[in-house]
PDB file of all heavy atoms in Angstrom:
ATOM      1  N   ARG A   1       0.849  -1.194   0.000  1.00  0.00           N
ATOM      2  CA  ARG A   1       0.000   0.000   0.000  1.00  0.00           C
ATOM      3  C   ARG A   1       0.883   1.242   0.000  1.00  0.00           C
ATOM      4  O   ARG A   1       2.006   1.225   0.489  1.00  0.00           O
ATOM      5  CB  ARG A   1      -0.952  -0.003   1.192  1.00  0.00           C
ATOM      6  CG  ARG A   1      -0.280  -0.033   2.539  1.00  0.00           C
ATOM      7  CD  ARG A   1      -1.292  -0.219   3.671  1.00  0.00           C
ATOM      8  NE  ARG A   1      -0.624  -0.593   4.901  1.00  0.00           N
ATOM      9  CZ  ARG A   1      -0.400   0.245   5.907  1.00  0.00           C
ATOM     10  NH1 ARG A   1      -0.798   1.484   5.834  1.00  0.00           N
ATOM     11  NH2 ARG A   1       0.236  -0.158   6.994  1.00  0.00           N
ATOM     12  N   CYS A   2       0.346   2.285  -0.545  1.00  0.00           N
ATOM     13  CA  CYS A   2       1.080   3.547  -0.703  1.00  0.00           C
ATOM     14  C   CYS A   2       1.021   4.356   0.595  1.00  0.00           C
ATOM     15  O   CYS A   2      -0.028   4.457   1.226  1.00  0.00           O
ATOM     16  CB  CYS A   2       0.457   4.332  -1.853  1.00  0.00           C
ATOM     17  SG  CYS A   2       1.276   5.893  -2.188  1.00  0.00           S
ATOM     18  N   VAL A   3       2.156   4.934   0.968  1.00  0.00           N
ATOM     19  CA  VAL A   3       2.238   5.842   2.112  1.00  0.00           C
ATOM     20  C   VAL A   3       2.851   7.144   1.605  1.00  0.00           C
ATOM     21  O   VAL A   3       3.986   7.147   1.112  1.00  0.00           O
ATOM     22  CB  VAL A   3       3.097   5.249   3.251  1.00  0.00           C
ATOM     23  CG1 VAL A   3       3.198   6.226   4.415  1.00  0.00           C
ATOM     24  CG2 VAL A   3       2.533   3.910   3.713  1.00  0.00           C
ATOM     25  N   ASN A   4       2.110   8.234   1.698  1.00  0.00           N
ATOM     26  CA  ASN A   4       2.598   9.524   1.208  1.00  0.00           C
ATOM     27  C   ASN A   4       3.601  10.129   2.185  1.00  0.00           C
ATOM     28  O   ASN A   4       3.462   9.997   3.391  1.00  0.00           O
ATOM     29  CB  ASN A   4       1.418  10.484   1.013  1.00  0.00           C
ATOM     30  CG  ASN A   4       1.842  11.763   0.333  1.00  0.00           C
ATOM     31  OD1 ASN A   4       2.418  11.730  -0.752  1.00  0.00           O
ATOM     32  ND2 ASN A   4       1.587  12.882   0.966  1.00  0.00           N
ATOM     33  N   THR A   5       4.642  10.783   1.644  1.00  0.00           N
ATOM     34  CA  THR A   5       5.604  11.540   2.441  1.00  0.00           C
ATOM     35  C   THR A   5       5.721  12.914   1.799  1.00  0.00           C
ATOM     36  O   THR A   5       5.243  13.123   0.685  1.00  0.00           O
ATOM     37  CB  THR A   5       6.990  10.859   2.458  1.00  0.00           C
ATOM     38  OG1 THR A   5       7.499  10.801   1.127  1.00  0.00           O
ATOM     39  CG2 THR A   5       6.925   9.473   3.061  1.00  0.00           C
ATOM     40  N   PHE A   6       6.383  13.845   2.459  1.00  0.00           N
ATOM     41  CA  PHE A   6       6.542  15.186   1.889  1.00  0.00           C
ATOM     42  C   PHE A   6       7.512  15.103   0.717  1.00  0.00           C
ATOM     43  O   PHE A   6       8.689  14.817   0.874  1.00  0.00           O
ATOM     44  CB  PHE A   6       7.065  16.164   2.943  1.00  0.00           C
ATOM     45  CG  PHE A   6       7.144  17.579   2.436  1.00  0.00           C
ATOM     46  CD1 PHE A   6       5.991  18.334   2.283  1.00  0.00           C
ATOM     47  CD2 PHE A   6       8.352  18.138   2.092  1.00  0.00           C
ATOM     48  CE1 PHE A   6       6.050  19.631   1.810  1.00  0.00           C
ATOM     49  CE2 PHE A   6       8.427  19.437   1.620  1.00  0.00           C
ATOM     50  CZ  PHE A   6       7.276  20.182   1.484  1.00  0.00           C
ATOM     51  N   GLY A   7       6.990  15.303  -0.468  1.00  0.00           N
ATOM     52  CA  GLY A   7       7.813  15.296  -1.668  1.00  0.00           C
ATOM     53  C   GLY A   7       7.963  13.953  -2.345  1.00  0.00           C
ATOM     54  O   GLY A   7       8.574  13.849  -3.398  1.00  0.00           O
ATOM     55  N   SER A   8       7.394  12.904  -1.753  1.00  0.00           N
ATOM     56  CA  SER A   8       7.527  11.576  -2.354  1.00  0.00           C
ATOM     57  C   SER A   8       6.492  10.618  -1.753  1.00  0.00           C
ATOM     58  O   SER A   8       5.483  11.050  -1.210  1.00  0.00           O
ATOM     59  CB  SER A   8       8.950  11.053  -2.122  1.00  0.00           C
ATOM     60  OG  SER A   8       9.172   9.893  -2.888  1.00  0.00           O
ATOM     61  N   TYR A   9       6.771   9.324  -1.840  1.00  0.00           N
ATOM     62  CA  TYR A   9       5.925   8.290  -1.239  1.00  0.00           C
ATOM     63  C   TYR A   9       6.762   7.016  -1.138  1.00  0.00           C
ATOM     64  O   TYR A   9       7.837   6.922  -1.713  1.00  0.00           O
ATOM     65  CB  TYR A   9       4.672   8.032  -2.090  1.00  0.00           C
ATOM     66  CG  TYR A   9       4.956   7.331  -3.403  1.00  0.00           C
ATOM     67  CD1 TYR A   9       4.844   5.935  -3.515  1.00  0.00           C
ATOM     68  CD2 TYR A   9       5.351   8.034  -4.534  1.00  0.00           C
ATOM     69  CE1 TYR A   9       5.114   5.287  -4.713  1.00  0.00           C
ATOM     70  CE2 TYR A   9       5.613   7.397  -5.728  1.00  0.00           C
ATOM     71  CZ  TYR A   9       5.499   6.028  -5.811  1.00  0.00           C
ATOM     72  OH  TYR A   9       5.770   5.386  -6.990  1.00  0.00           O
ATOM     73  N   TYR A  10       6.265   6.053  -0.381  1.00  0.00           N
ATOM     74  CA  TYR A  10       6.888   4.733  -0.376  1.00  0.00           C
ATOM     75  C   TYR A  10       5.800   3.683  -0.290  1.00  0.00           C
ATOM     76  O   TYR A  10       4.650   3.988   0.044  1.00  0.00           O
ATOM     77  CB  TYR A  10       7.920   4.576   0.748  1.00  0.00           C
ATOM     78  CG  TYR A  10       7.368   4.590   2.155  1.00  0.00           C
ATOM     79  CD1 TYR A  10       7.051   3.414   2.823  1.00  0.00           C
ATOM     80  CD2 TYR A  10       7.181   5.794   2.831  1.00  0.00           C
ATOM     81  CE1 TYR A  10       6.557   3.428   4.109  1.00  0.00           C
ATOM     82  CE2 TYR A  10       6.689   5.821   4.115  1.00  0.00           C
ATOM     83  CZ  TYR A  10       6.384   4.639   4.756  1.00  0.00           C
ATOM     84  OH  TYR A  10       5.885   4.648   6.036  1.00  0.00           O
ATOM     85  N   CYS A  11       6.156   2.456  -0.640  1.00  0.00           N
ATOM     86  CA  CYS A  11       5.200   1.349  -0.625  1.00  0.00           C
ATOM     87  C   CYS A  11       5.482   0.473   0.589  1.00  0.00           C
ATOM     88  O   CYS A  11       6.625   0.089   0.834  1.00  0.00           O
ATOM     89  CB  CYS A  11       5.317   0.538  -1.912  1.00  0.00           C
ATOM     90  SG  CYS A  11       4.951   1.496  -3.398  1.00  0.00           S
ATOM     91  N   LYS A  12       4.439   0.179   1.321  1.00  0.00           N
ATOM     92  CA  LYS A  12       4.546  -0.604   2.558  1.00  0.00           C
ATOM     93  C   LYS A  12       3.683  -1.852   2.404  1.00  0.00           C
ATOM     94  O   LYS A  12       2.676  -1.829   1.704  1.00  0.00           O
ATOM     95  CB  LYS A  12       4.035   0.265   3.706  1.00  0.00           C
ATOM     96  CG  LYS A  12       4.164  -0.342   5.068  1.00  0.00           C
ATOM     97  CD  LYS A  12       3.689   0.642   6.128  1.00  0.00           C
ATOM     98  CE  LYS A  12       3.823   0.040   7.506  1.00  0.00           C
ATOM     99  NZ  LYS A  12       3.420   0.967   8.561  1.00  0.00           N
ATOM    100  N   CYS A  13       4.098  -2.932   3.043  1.00  0.00           N
ATOM    101  CA  CYS A  13       3.304  -4.160   2.984  1.00  0.00           C
ATOM    102  C   CYS A  13       1.903  -3.911   3.551  1.00  0.00           C
ATOM    103  O   CYS A  13       1.739  -3.189   4.540  1.00  0.00           O
ATOM    104  CB  CYS A  13       3.975  -5.276   3.782  1.00  0.00           C
ATOM    105  SG  CYS A  13       5.511  -5.872   3.052  1.00  0.00           S
ATOM    106  N   GLN A  14       0.905  -4.502   2.899  1.00  0.00           N
ATOM    107  CA  GLN A  14      -0.471  -4.422   3.392  1.00  0.00           C
ATOM    108  C   GLN A  14      -0.546  -5.064   4.774  1.00  0.00           C
ATOM    109  O   GLN A  14       0.291  -5.884   5.144  1.00  0.00           O
ATOM    110  CB  GLN A  14      -1.416  -5.197   2.450  1.00  0.00           C
ATOM    111  CG  GLN A  14      -1.543  -4.609   1.081  1.00  0.00           C
ATOM    112  CD  GLN A  14      -2.590  -3.517   1.007  1.00  0.00           C
ATOM    113  OE1 GLN A  14      -3.031  -2.997   2.009  1.00  0.00           O
ATOM    114  NE2 GLN A  14      -2.956  -3.154  -0.200  1.00  0.00           N
ATOM    115  N   LEU A  15      -1.576  -4.708   5.535  1.00  0.00           N
ATOM    116  CA  LEU A  15      -1.803  -5.363   6.825  1.00  0.00           C
ATOM    117  C   LEU A  15      -2.002  -6.848   6.580  1.00  0.00           C
ATOM    118  O   LEU A  15      -2.675  -7.247   5.628  1.00  0.00           O
ATOM    119  CB  LEU A  15      -3.040  -4.768   7.508  1.00  0.00           C
ATOM    120  CG  LEU A  15      -2.891  -3.325   7.977  1.00  0.00           C
ATOM    121  CD1 LEU A  15      -4.227  -2.788   8.474  1.00  0.00           C
ATOM    122  CD2 LEU A  15      -1.835  -3.209   9.061  1.00  0.00           C
ATOM    123  N   GLY A  16      -1.398  -7.661   7.421  1.00  0.00           N
ATOM    124  CA  GLY A  16      -1.476  -9.112   7.258  1.00  0.00           C
ATOM    125  C   GLY A  16      -0.312  -9.671   6.449  1.00  0.00           C
ATOM    126  O   GLY A  16      -0.220 -10.882   6.231  1.00  0.00           O
ATOM    127  N   TYR A  17       0.592  -8.792   5.990  1.00  0.00           N
ATOM    128  CA  TYR A  17       1.785  -9.196   5.244  1.00  0.00           C
ATOM    129  C   TYR A  17       3.007  -8.559   5.896  1.00  0.00           C
ATOM    130  O   TYR A  17       2.908  -7.521   6.550  1.00  0.00           O
ATOM    131  CB  TYR A  17       1.699  -8.750   3.781  1.00  0.00           C
ATOM    132  CG  TYR A  17       0.609  -9.433   3.006  1.00  0.00           C
ATOM    133  CD1 TYR A  17      -0.687  -8.919   3.014  1.00  0.00           C
ATOM    134  CD2 TYR A  17       0.860 -10.594   2.278  1.00  0.00           C
ATOM    135  CE1 TYR A  17      -1.707  -9.552   2.318  1.00  0.00           C
ATOM    136  CE2 TYR A  17      -0.158 -11.219   1.571  1.00  0.00           C
ATOM    137  CZ  TYR A  17      -1.440 -10.698   1.601  1.00  0.00           C
ATOM    138  OH  TYR A  17      -2.439 -11.325   0.900  1.00  0.00           O
ATOM    139  N   GLU A  18       4.164  -9.206   5.730  1.00  0.00           N
ATOM    140  CA  GLU A  18       5.397  -8.632   6.248  1.00  0.00           C
ATOM    141  C   GLU A  18       6.493  -8.744   5.203  1.00  0.00           C
ATOM    142  O   GLU A  18       6.463  -9.634   4.337  1.00  0.00           O
ATOM    143  CB  GLU A  18       5.823  -9.320   7.544  1.00  0.00           C
ATOM    144  CG  GLU A  18       6.149 -10.797   7.404  1.00  0.00           C
ATOM    145  CD  GLU A  18       6.454 -11.462   8.741  1.00  0.00           C
ATOM    146  OE1 GLU A  18       6.661 -10.754   9.740  1.00  0.00           O
ATOM    147  OE2 GLU A  18       6.507 -12.701   8.762  1.00  0.00           O
ATOM    148  N   LEU A  19       7.443  -7.813   5.257  1.00  0.00           N
ATOM    149  CA  LEU A  19       8.530  -7.771   4.291  1.00  0.00           C
ATOM    150  C   LEU A  19       9.582  -8.804   4.679  1.00  0.00           C
ATOM    151  O   LEU A  19      10.089  -8.800   5.794  1.00  0.00           O
ATOM    152  CB  LEU A  19       9.149  -6.365   4.269  1.00  0.00           C
ATOM    153  CG  LEU A  19      10.101  -6.061   3.133  1.00  0.00           C
ATOM    154  CD1 LEU A  19       9.378  -6.114   1.789  1.00  0.00           C
ATOM    155  CD2 LEU A  19      10.737  -4.694   3.327  1.00  0.00           C
ATOM    156  N   LYS A  20       9.908  -9.696   3.739  1.00  0.00           N
ATOM    157  CA  LYS A  20      10.912 -10.740   3.969  1.00  0.00           C
ATOM    158  C   LYS A  20      11.793 -10.873   2.737  1.00  0.00           C
ATOM    159  O   LYS A  20      11.352 -10.615   1.622  1.00  0.00           O
ATOM    160  CB  LYS A  20      10.255 -12.080   4.271  1.00  0.00           C
ATOM    161  CG  LYS A  20       9.712 -12.202   5.666  1.00  0.00           C
ATOM    162  CD  LYS A  20       9.408 -13.635   6.011  1.00  0.00           C
ATOM    163  CE  LYS A  20       8.973 -13.741   7.466  1.00  0.00           C
ATOM    164  NZ  LYS A  20       8.604 -15.093   7.830  1.00  0.00           N
ATOM    165  N   TYR A  21      13.027 -11.284   2.977  1.00  0.00           N
ATOM    166  CA  TYR A  21      13.967 -11.527   1.887  1.00  0.00           C
ATOM    167  C   TYR A  21      13.786 -12.982   1.441  1.00  0.00           C
ATOM    168  O   TYR A  21      14.118 -13.910   2.148  1.00  0.00           O
ATOM    169  CB  TYR A  21      15.396 -11.272   2.367  1.00  0.00           C
ATOM    170  CG  TYR A  21      16.405 -11.229   1.260  1.00  0.00           C
ATOM    171  CD1 TYR A  21      16.468 -10.138   0.396  1.00  0.00           C
ATOM    172  CD2 TYR A  21      17.306 -12.271   1.075  1.00  0.00           C
ATOM    173  CE1 TYR A  21      17.392 -10.089  -0.620  1.00  0.00           C
ATOM    174  CE2 TYR A  21      18.241 -12.227   0.060  1.00  0.00           C
ATOM    175  CZ  TYR A  21      18.284 -11.130  -0.786  1.00  0.00           C
ATOM    176  OH  TYR A  21      19.213 -11.080  -1.801  1.00  0.00           O
ATOM    177  N   VAL A  22      13.212 -13.150   0.249  1.00  0.00           N
ATOM    178  CA  VAL A  22      12.900 -14.492  -0.254  1.00  0.00           C
ATOM    179  C   VAL A  22      13.433 -14.618  -1.680  1.00  0.00           C
ATOM    180  O   VAL A  22      13.182 -13.754  -2.521  1.00  0.00           O
ATOM    181  CB  VAL A  22      11.363 -14.734  -0.248  1.00  0.00           C
ATOM    182  CG1 VAL A  22      11.034 -16.128  -0.751  1.00  0.00           C
ATOM    183  CG2 VAL A  22      10.780 -14.512   1.129  1.00  0.00           C
ATOM    184  N   SER A  23      14.144 -15.706  -1.955  1.00  0.00           N
ATOM    185  CA  SER A  23      14.651 -16.011  -3.302  1.00  0.00           C
ATOM    186  C   SER A  23      15.396 -14.848  -3.949  1.00  0.00           C
ATOM    187  O   SER A  23      15.164 -14.513  -5.104  1.00  0.00           O
ATOM    188  CB  SER A  23      13.513 -16.479  -4.219  1.00  0.00           C
ATOM    189  OG  SER A  23      12.823 -17.553  -3.647  1.00  0.00           O
ATOM    190  N   GLY A  24      16.253 -14.213  -3.180  1.00  0.00           N
ATOM    191  CA  GLY A  24      17.107 -13.164  -3.736  1.00  0.00           C
ATOM    192  C   GLY A  24      16.504 -11.778  -3.822  1.00  0.00           C
ATOM    193  O   GLY A  24      17.128 -10.869  -4.359  1.00  0.00           O
ATOM    194  N   HIS A  25      15.279 -11.583  -3.320  1.00  0.00           N
ATOM    195  CA  HIS A  25      14.705 -10.235  -3.314  1.00  0.00           C
ATOM    196  C   HIS A  25      13.691 -10.096  -2.169  1.00  0.00           C
ATOM    197  O   HIS A  25      13.243 -11.084  -1.606  1.00  0.00           O
ATOM    198  CB  HIS A  25      14.051  -9.899  -4.663  1.00  0.00           C
ATOM    199  CG  HIS A  25      12.829 -10.730  -4.969  1.00  0.00           C
ATOM    200  ND1 HIS A  25      12.884 -12.019  -5.416  1.00  0.00           N
ATOM    201  CD2 HIS A  25      11.508 -10.409  -4.859  1.00  0.00           C
ATOM    202  CE1 HIS A  25      11.649 -12.486  -5.587  1.00  0.00           C
ATOM    203  NE2 HIS A  25      10.807 -11.528  -5.246  1.00  0.00           N
ATOM    204  N   TYR A  26      13.376  -8.843  -1.850  1.00  0.00           N
ATOM    205  CA  TYR A  26      12.400  -8.578  -0.800  1.00  0.00           C
ATOM    206  C   TYR A  26      10.993  -8.666  -1.369  1.00  0.00           C
ATOM    207  O   TYR A  26      10.731  -8.222  -2.473  1.00  0.00           O
ATOM    208  CB  TYR A  26      12.618  -7.184  -0.192  1.00  0.00           C
ATOM    209  CG  TYR A  26      13.817  -7.127   0.711  1.00  0.00           C
ATOM    210  CD1 TYR A  26      15.040  -6.684   0.236  1.00  0.00           C
ATOM    211  CD2 TYR A  26      13.730  -7.522   2.038  1.00  0.00           C
ATOM    212  CE1 TYR A  26      16.155  -6.638   1.066  1.00  0.00           C
ATOM    213  CE2 TYR A  26      14.822  -7.477   2.878  1.00  0.00           C
ATOM    214  CZ  TYR A  26      16.035  -7.031   2.378  1.00  0.00           C
ATOM    215  OH  TYR A  26      17.130  -6.991   3.203  1.00  0.00           O
ATOM    216  N   ASP A  27      10.096  -9.270  -0.565  1.00  0.00           N
ATOM    217  CA  ASP A  27       8.713  -9.394  -0.988  1.00  0.00           C
ATOM    218  C   ASP A  27       7.818  -9.363   0.240  1.00  0.00           C
ATOM    219  O   ASP A  27       8.237  -9.681   1.355  1.00  0.00           O
ATOM    220  CB  ASP A  27       8.514 -10.710  -1.750  1.00  0.00           C
ATOM    221  CG  ASP A  27       7.270 -10.695  -2.621  1.00  0.00           C
ATOM    222  OD1 ASP A  27       6.634  -9.622  -2.735  1.00  0.00           O
ATOM    223  OD2 ASP A  27       6.932 -11.746  -3.180  1.00  0.00           O
ATOM    224  N   CYS A  28       6.575  -8.976   0.021  1.00  0.00           N
ATOM    225  CA  CYS A  28       5.585  -8.992   1.100  1.00  0.00           C
ATOM    226  C   CYS A  28       4.935 -10.363   1.121  1.00  0.00           C
ATOM    227  O   CYS A  28       4.309 -10.768   0.138  1.00  0.00           O
ATOM    228  CB  CYS A  28       4.531  -7.903   0.874  1.00  0.00           C
ATOM    229  SG  CYS A  28       5.186  -6.233   1.007  1.00  0.00           S
ATOM    230  N   VAL A  29       5.126 -11.065   2.225  1.00  0.00           N
ATOM    231  CA  VAL A  29       4.575 -12.426   2.339  1.00  0.00           C
ATOM    232  C   VAL A  29       3.538 -12.457   3.455  1.00  0.00           C
ATOM    233  O   VAL A  29       3.590 -11.666   4.398  1.00  0.00           O
ATOM    234  CB  VAL A  29       5.687 -13.478   2.598  1.00  0.00           C
ATOM    235  CG1 VAL A  29       6.625 -13.568   1.416  1.00  0.00           C
ATOM    236  CG2 VAL A  29       6.462 -13.168   3.865  1.00  0.00           C
ATOM    237  N   ASP A  30       2.604 -13.360   3.327  1.00  0.00           N
ATOM    238  CA  ASP A  30       1.513 -13.507   4.281  1.00  0.00           C
ATOM    239  C   ASP A  30       2.041 -13.816   5.680  1.00  0.00           C
ATOM    240  O   ASP A  30       2.946 -14.630   5.850  1.00  0.00           O
ATOM    241  CB  ASP A  30       0.591 -14.645   3.815  1.00  0.00           C
ATOM    242  CG  ASP A  30      -0.510 -14.930   4.811  1.00  0.00           C
ATOM    243  OD1 ASP A  30      -1.217 -13.980   5.191  1.00  0.00           O
ATOM    244  OD2 ASP A  30      -0.655 -16.105   5.219  1.00  0.00           O
ATOM    245  N   VAL A  31       1.487 -13.143   6.670  1.00  0.00           N
ATOM    246  CA  VAL A  31       1.784 -13.444   8.072  1.00  0.00           C
ATOM    247  C   VAL A  31       0.799 -14.526   8.498  1.00  0.00           C
ATOM    248  O   VAL A  31      -0.410 -14.357   8.360  1.00  0.00           O
ATOM    249  CB  VAL A  31       1.601 -12.199   8.971  1.00  0.00           C
ATOM    250  CG1 VAL A  31       1.758 -12.561  10.442  1.00  0.00           C
ATOM    251  CG2 VAL A  31       2.582 -11.112   8.581  1.00  0.00           C
ATOM    252  N   ASN A  32       1.302 -15.632   8.992  1.00  0.00           N
ATOM    253  CA  ASN A  32       0.433 -16.701   9.487  1.00  0.00           C
ATOM    254  C   ASN A  32       0.139 -16.417  10.953  1.00  0.00           C
ATOM    255  O   ASN A  32       0.895 -16.795  11.844  1.00  0.00           O
ATOM    256  CB  ASN A  32       1.089 -18.068   9.309  1.00  0.00           C
ATOM    257  CG  ASN A  32       0.141 -19.208   9.627  1.00  0.00           C
ATOM    258  OD1 ASN A  32      -0.807 -19.051  10.401  1.00  0.00           O
ATOM    259  ND2 ASN A  32       0.384 -20.355   9.025  1.00  0.00           N
ATOM    260  N   GLU A  33      -0.964 -15.723  11.203  1.00  0.00           N
ATOM    261  CA  GLU A  33      -1.331 -15.324  12.558  1.00  0.00           C
ATOM    262  C   GLU A  33      -1.572 -16.520  13.472  1.00  0.00           C
ATOM    263  O   GLU A  33      -1.418 -16.417  14.694  1.00  0.00           O
ATOM    264  CB  GLU A  33      -2.595 -14.443  12.526  1.00  0.00           C
ATOM    265  CG  GLU A  33      -2.433 -13.097  11.854  1.00  0.00           C
ATOM    266  CD  GLU A  33      -2.596 -13.140  10.337  1.00  0.00           C
ATOM    267  OE1 GLU A  33      -2.853 -14.238   9.774  1.00  0.00           O
ATOM    268  OE2 GLU A  33      -2.463 -12.080   9.710  1.00  0.00           O
ATOM    269  N   CYS A  34      -1.920 -17.662  12.880  1.00  0.00           N
ATOM    270  CA  CYS A  34      -2.168 -18.867  13.682  1.00  0.00           C
ATOM    271  C   CYS A  34      -0.859 -19.413  14.256  1.00  0.00           C
ATOM    272  O   CYS A  34      -0.818 -19.876  15.399  1.00  0.00           O
ATOM    273  CB  CYS A  34      -2.851 -19.936  12.828  1.00  0.00           C
ATOM    274  SG  CYS A  34      -4.434 -19.371  12.137  1.00  0.00           S
ATOM    275  N   VAL A  35       0.224 -19.319  13.482  1.00  0.00           N
ATOM    276  CA  VAL A  35       1.537 -19.800  13.938  1.00  0.00           C
ATOM    277  C   VAL A  35       2.178 -18.788  14.883  1.00  0.00           C
ATOM    278  O   VAL A  35       2.761 -19.161  15.900  1.00  0.00           O
ATOM    279  CB  VAL A  35       2.463 -20.074  12.726  1.00  0.00           C
ATOM    280  CG1 VAL A  35       3.877 -20.387  13.174  1.00  0.00           C
ATOM    281  CG2 VAL A  35       1.903 -21.209  11.888  1.00  0.00           C
ATOM    282  N   THR A  36       2.063 -17.510  14.568  1.00  0.00           N
ATOM    283  CA  THR A  36       2.673 -16.466  15.410  1.00  0.00           C
ATOM    284  C   THR A  36       1.859 -16.191  16.671  1.00  0.00           C
ATOM    285  O   THR A  36       2.287 -15.432  17.534  1.00  0.00           O
ATOM    286  CB  THR A  36       2.827 -15.141  14.629  1.00  0.00           C
ATOM    287  OG1 THR A  36       1.535 -14.700  14.200  1.00  0.00           O
ATOM    288  CG2 THR A  36       3.752 -15.316  13.437  1.00  0.00           C
ATOM    289  N   ASN A  37       0.689 -16.790  16.767  1.00  0.00           N
ATOM    290  CA  ASN A  37      -0.208 -16.668  17.918  1.00  0.00           C
ATOM    291  C   ASN A  37      -0.620 -15.208  18.171  1.00  0.00           C
ATOM    292  O   ASN A  37      -0.689 -14.752  19.298  1.00  0.00           O
ATOM    293  CB  ASN A  37       0.436 -17.283  19.164  1.00  0.00           C
ATOM    294  CG  ASN A  37      -0.612 -17.752  20.170  1.00  0.00           C
ATOM    295  OD1 ASN A  37      -1.757 -18.031  19.806  1.00  0.00           O
ATOM    296  ND2 ASN A  37      -0.229 -17.832  21.429  1.00  0.00           N
ATOM    297  N   THR A  38      -0.907 -14.511  17.073  1.00  0.00           N
ATOM    298  CA  THR A  38      -1.356 -13.115  17.165  1.00  0.00           C
ATOM    299  C   THR A  38      -2.800 -12.972  16.695  1.00  0.00           C
ATOM    300  O   THR A  38      -3.222 -11.893  16.317  1.00  0.00           O
ATOM    301  CB  THR A  38      -0.447 -12.203  16.296  1.00  0.00           C
ATOM    302  OG1 THR A  38      -0.450 -12.697  14.958  1.00  0.00           O
ATOM    303  CG2 THR A  38       0.969 -12.140  16.832  1.00  0.00           C
ATOM    304  N   HIS A  39      -3.547 -14.063  16.717  1.00  0.00           N
ATOM    305  CA  HIS A  39      -4.890 -14.090  16.133  1.00  0.00           C
ATOM    306  C   HIS A  39      -5.974 -13.583  17.066  1.00  0.00           C
ATOM    307  O   HIS A  39      -6.915 -12.947  16.633  1.00  0.00           O
ATOM    308  CB  HIS A  39      -5.234 -15.504  15.650  1.00  0.00           C
ATOM    309  CG  HIS A  39      -4.975 -16.560  16.670  1.00  0.00           C
ATOM    310  ND1 HIS A  39      -5.796 -16.793  17.739  1.00  0.00           N
ATOM    311  CD2 HIS A  39      -3.961 -17.452  16.774  1.00  0.00           C
ATOM    312  CE1 HIS A  39      -5.325 -17.787  18.471  1.00  0.00           C
ATOM    313  NE2 HIS A  39      -4.192 -18.200  17.906  1.00  0.00           N
ATOM    314  N   GLY A  40      -5.920 -13.890  18.342  1.00  0.00           N
ATOM    315  CA  GLY A  40      -6.965 -13.464  19.272  1.00  0.00           C
ATOM    316  C   GLY A  40      -8.198 -14.343  19.255  1.00  0.00           C
ATOM    317  O   GLY A  40      -9.264 -13.938  19.733  1.00  0.00           O
ATOM    318  N   CYS A  41      -8.097 -15.539  18.656  1.00  0.00           N
ATOM    319  CA  CYS A  41      -9.235 -16.468  18.656  1.00  0.00           C
ATOM    320  C   CYS A  41      -9.493 -16.955  20.083  1.00  0.00           C
ATOM    321  O   CYS A  41      -8.590 -17.000  20.919  1.00  0.00           O
ATOM    322  CB  CYS A  41      -8.944 -17.680  17.769  1.00  0.00           C
ATOM    323  SG  CYS A  41      -8.793 -17.279  16.021  1.00  0.00           S
ATOM    324  N   ASN A  42     -10.731 -17.347  20.326  1.00  0.00           N
ATOM    325  CA  ASN A  42     -11.131 -17.881  21.620  1.00  0.00           C
ATOM    326  C   ASN A  42     -10.365 -19.167  21.914  1.00  0.00           C
ATOM    327  O   ASN A  42      -9.947 -19.877  21.002  1.00  0.00           O
ATOM    328  CB  ASN A  42     -12.645 -18.141  21.611  1.00  0.00           C
ATOM    329  CG  ASN A  42     -13.177 -18.513  22.975  1.00  0.00           C
ATOM    330  OD1 ASN A  42     -13.120 -19.672  23.383  1.00  0.00           O
ATOM    331  ND2 ASN A  42     -13.713 -17.521  23.681  1.00  0.00           N
ATOM    332  N   LEU A  43     -10.198 -19.462  23.198  1.00  0.00           N
ATOM    333  CA  LEU A  43      -9.516 -20.687  23.632  1.00  0.00           C
ATOM    334  C   LEU A  43     -10.207 -21.934  23.075  1.00  0.00           C
ATOM    335  O   LEU A  43      -9.564 -22.936  22.786  1.00  0.00           O
ATOM    336  CB  LEU A  43      -9.508 -20.721  25.174  1.00  0.00           C
ATOM    337  CG  LEU A  43      -8.796 -21.889  25.846  1.00  0.00           C
ATOM    338  CD1 LEU A  43      -7.299 -21.852  25.509  1.00  0.00           C
ATOM    339  CD2 LEU A  43      -8.991 -21.854  27.345  1.00  0.00           C
ATOM    340  N   HIS A  44     -11.530 -21.833  22.849  1.00  0.00           N
ATOM    341  CA  HIS A  44     -12.309 -22.965  22.321  1.00  0.00           C
ATOM    342  C   HIS A  44     -12.584 -22.802  20.830  1.00  0.00           C
ATOM    343  O   HIS A  44     -13.616 -23.241  20.338  1.00  0.00           O
ATOM    344  CB  HIS A  44     -13.628 -23.096  23.094  1.00  0.00           C
ATOM    345  CG  HIS A  44     -13.420 -23.289  24.567  1.00  0.00           C
ATOM    346  ND1 HIS A  44     -12.882 -24.424  25.111  1.00  0.00           N
ATOM    347  CD2 HIS A  44     -13.677 -22.447  25.611  1.00  0.00           C
ATOM    348  CE1 HIS A  44     -12.809 -24.301  26.426  1.00  0.00           C
ATOM    349  NE2 HIS A  44     -13.290 -23.105  26.756  1.00  0.00           N
ATOM    350  N   ALA A  45     -11.651 -22.176  20.125  1.00  0.00           N
ATOM    351  CA  ALA A  45     -11.816 -21.968  18.682  1.00  0.00           C
ATOM    352  C   ALA A  45     -10.539 -22.374  17.954  1.00  0.00           C
ATOM    353  O   ALA A  45      -9.456 -22.409  18.534  1.00  0.00           O
ATOM    354  CB  ALA A  45     -12.144 -20.504  18.384  1.00  0.00           C
ATOM    355  N   GLU A  46     -10.681 -22.676  16.666  1.00  0.00           N
ATOM    356  CA  GLU A  46      -9.545 -22.990  15.802  1.00  0.00           C
ATOM    357  C   GLU A  46      -9.209 -21.752  14.980  1.00  0.00           C
ATOM    358  O   GLU A  46     -10.105 -21.047  14.516  1.00  0.00           O
ATOM    359  CB  GLU A  46      -9.890 -24.134  14.845  1.00  0.00           C
ATOM    360  CG  GLU A  46     -10.106 -25.470  15.512  1.00  0.00           C
ATOM    361  CD  GLU A  46     -10.481 -26.536  14.492  1.00  0.00           C
ATOM    362  OE1 GLU A  46      -9.967 -26.479  13.357  1.00  0.00           O
ATOM    363  OE2 GLU A  46     -11.308 -27.396  14.843  1.00  0.00           O
TER     364      GLU A  46
END
């Protein structure tokens, strides 16, 4: 997604994605909230 700055702009990973170095270049890859345990699901939920 685009982020405006004074005189320019930069591109930032969308929410739910993070910047990682993969196969020789940087890319925005999906964050697996279930593995990172950042989901907030109920204790009795998957």
